[in-house]
């Protein structure tokens, strides 16, 4: 189980760090680095789902309070919304 969890964490770190735009790379990789070691197994899977949202949806949610029904269902989105660089 521990090995699978470590693979999941590496996958999350990679996905957060290589988004396509430098701004999103910085924002999401900083968020992941801060929380990845304190999230439980379920929360890590939620984080992985969260990172599958398009950059535009995530940045609009973070900066402009544009809500998306799917992003609101994700438990990690609330933690992310409160995150400050």
C-alpha atoms as a PDB file:
ATOM      1  CA  UNK A   1       0.000   0.000   0.000  1.00  0.00           C
ATOM      2  CA  UNK A   2       2.793   2.419   0.862  1.00  0.00           C
ATOM      3  CA  UNK A   3       4.423   1.943  -2.537  1.00  0.00           C
ATOM      4  CA  UNK A   4       1.135   2.697  -4.331  1.00  0.00           C
ATOM      5  CA  UNK A   5       0.691   5.785  -2.181  1.00  0.00           C
ATOM      6  CA  UNK A   6       4.173   7.028  -3.070  1.00  0.00           C
ATOM      7  CA  UNK A   7       3.468   6.491  -6.773  1.00  0.00           C
ATOM      8  CA  UNK A   8       0.240   8.475  -6.402  1.00  0.00           C
ATOM      9  CA  UNK A   9       2.110  11.307  -4.681  1.00  0.00           C
ATOM     10  CA  UNK A  10       4.740  11.396  -7.438  1.00  0.00           C
ATOM     11  CA  UNK A  11       2.022  11.481 -10.073  1.00  0.00           C
ATOM     12  CA  UNK A  12       0.313  14.374  -8.268  1.00  0.00           C
ATOM     13  CA  UNK A  13       3.558  16.324  -7.918  1.00  0.00           C
ATOM     14  CA  UNK A  14       4.322  15.859 -11.602  1.00  0.00           C
ATOM     15  CA  UNK A  15       0.819  16.886 -12.703  1.00  0.00           C
ATOM     16  CA  UNK A  16       0.914  19.991 -10.502  1.00  0.00           C
ATOM     17  CA  UNK A  17       4.362  21.021 -11.719  1.00  0.00           C
ATOM     18  CA  UNK A  18       3.906  20.648 -15.476  1.00  0.00           C
ATOM     19  CA  UNK A  19       0.619  22.316 -16.366  1.00  0.00           C
ATOM     20  CA  UNK A  20       1.628  24.215 -19.454  1.00  0.00           C
ATOM     21  CA  UNK A  21       1.778  27.727 -18.053  1.00  0.00           C
ATOM     22  CA  UNK A  22       4.391  28.933 -15.613  1.00  0.00           C
ATOM     23  CA  UNK A  23       1.804  30.659 -13.430  1.00  0.00           C
ATOM     24  CA  UNK A  24      -0.207  27.478 -12.925  1.00  0.00           C
ATOM     25  CA  UNK A  25       2.978  25.455 -12.416  1.00  0.00           C
ATOM     26  CA  UNK A  26       3.980  27.788  -9.580  1.00  0.00           C
ATOM     27  CA  UNK A  27       0.537  28.010  -7.982  1.00  0.00           C
ATOM     28  CA  UNK A  28      -0.333  24.326  -8.070  1.00  0.00           C
ATOM     29  CA  UNK A  29       3.124  22.976  -7.284  1.00  0.00           C
ATOM     30  CA  UNK A  30       3.342  25.292  -4.247  1.00  0.00           C
ATOM     31  CA  UNK A  31      -0.065  24.112  -3.069  1.00  0.00           C
ATOM     32  CA  UNK A  32       0.839  20.447  -3.545  1.00  0.00           C
ATOM     33  CA  UNK A  33       4.217  20.807  -1.802  1.00  0.00           C
ATOM     34  CA  UNK A  34       2.531  22.378   1.206  1.00  0.00           C
ATOM     35  CA  UNK A  35      -0.209  19.776   1.630  1.00  0.00           C
ATOM     36  CA  UNK A  36       0.854  16.483   0.052  1.00  0.00           C
ATOM     37  CA  UNK A  37       2.385  15.006   3.194  1.00  0.00           C
ATOM     38  CA  UNK A  38      -0.567  15.837   5.446  1.00  0.00           C
ATOM     39  CA  UNK A  39      -3.403  14.676   3.190  1.00  0.00           C
ATOM     40  CA  UNK A  40      -4.891  11.270   3.814  1.00  0.00           C
ATOM     41  CA  UNK A  41      -5.400   8.630   1.129  1.00  0.00           C
ATOM     42  CA  UNK A  42      -8.914   9.796   0.201  1.00  0.00           C
ATOM     43  CA  UNK A  43      -7.814  13.417   0.017  1.00  0.00           C
ATOM     44  CA  UNK A  44      -4.911  12.480  -2.260  1.00  0.00           C
ATOM     45  CA  UNK A  45      -7.349  10.898  -4.694  1.00  0.00           C
ATOM     46  CA  UNK A  46      -9.479  14.059  -4.514  1.00  0.00           C
ATOM     47  CA  UNK A  47      -6.363  16.122  -5.217  1.00  0.00           C
ATOM     48  CA  UNK A  48      -5.607  13.971  -8.238  1.00  0.00           C
ATOM     49  CA  UNK A  49      -9.158  14.566  -9.518  1.00  0.00           C
ATOM     50  CA  UNK A  50      -8.805  18.282  -8.829  1.00  0.00           C
ATOM     51  CA  UNK A  51      -5.658  18.461 -10.942  1.00  0.00           C
ATOM     52  CA  UNK A  52      -7.575  17.021 -13.899  1.00  0.00           C
ATOM     53  CA  UNK A  53      -9.630  20.210 -14.183  1.00  0.00           C
ATOM     54  CA  UNK A  54      -8.535  22.559 -16.933  1.00  0.00           C
ATOM     55  CA  UNK A  55      -6.270  25.422 -15.906  1.00  0.00           C
ATOM     56  CA  UNK A  56      -8.913  27.985 -16.834  1.00  0.00           C
ATOM     57  CA  UNK A  57     -11.454  26.434 -14.466  1.00  0.00           C
ATOM     58  CA  UNK A  58      -8.954  26.278 -11.607  1.00  0.00           C
ATOM     59  CA  UNK A  59      -7.615  29.810 -12.037  1.00  0.00           C
ATOM     60  CA  UNK A  60     -11.092  31.302 -12.409  1.00  0.00           C
ATOM     61  CA  UNK A  61     -12.168  29.515  -9.243  1.00  0.00           C
ATOM     62  CA  UNK A  62      -9.081  30.697  -7.369  1.00  0.00           C
ATOM     63  CA  UNK A  63      -8.859  34.300  -8.562  1.00  0.00           C
ATOM     64  CA  UNK A  64     -12.312  35.312  -9.718  1.00  0.00           C
ATOM     65  CA  UNK A  65     -14.662  33.217  -7.565  1.00  0.00           C
ATOM     66  CA  UNK A  66     -16.173  31.742 -10.717  1.00  0.00           C
ATOM     67  CA  UNK A  67     -17.736  28.580  -9.420  1.00  0.00           C
ATOM     68  CA  UNK A  68     -18.101  25.399 -11.356  1.00  0.00           C
ATOM     69  CA  UNK A  69     -20.460  22.741 -10.085  1.00  0.00           C
ATOM     70  CA  UNK A  70     -17.895  19.971 -10.544  1.00  0.00           C
ATOM     71  CA  UNK A  71     -15.080  21.840  -8.808  1.00  0.00           C
ATOM     72  CA  UNK A  72     -17.351  22.651  -5.874  1.00  0.00           C
ATOM     73  CA  UNK A  73     -17.974  18.937  -5.327  1.00  0.00           C
ATOM     74  CA  UNK A  74     -14.262  18.321  -4.859  1.00  0.00           C
ATOM     75  CA  UNK A  75     -13.190  18.432  -1.203  1.00  0.00           C
ATOM     76  CA  UNK A  76      -9.728  19.729  -2.045  1.00  0.00           C
ATOM     77  CA  UNK A  77     -11.110  22.811  -3.794  1.00  0.00           C
ATOM     78  CA  UNK A  78     -12.040  24.387  -0.455  1.00  0.00           C
ATOM     79  CA  UNK A  79      -8.503  23.948   0.859  1.00  0.00           C
ATOM     80  CA  UNK A  80      -7.114  25.305  -2.403  1.00  0.00           C
ATOM     81  CA  UNK A  81      -9.377  28.354  -2.307  1.00  0.00           C
ATOM     82  CA  UNK A  82      -7.900  29.346   1.078  1.00  0.00           C
ATOM     83  CA  UNK A  83      -4.302  28.746  -0.038  1.00  0.00           C
ATOM     84  CA  UNK A  84      -2.108  31.827  -0.407  1.00  0.00           C
ATOM     85  CA  UNK A  85       1.295  31.988  -2.048  1.00  0.00           C
END
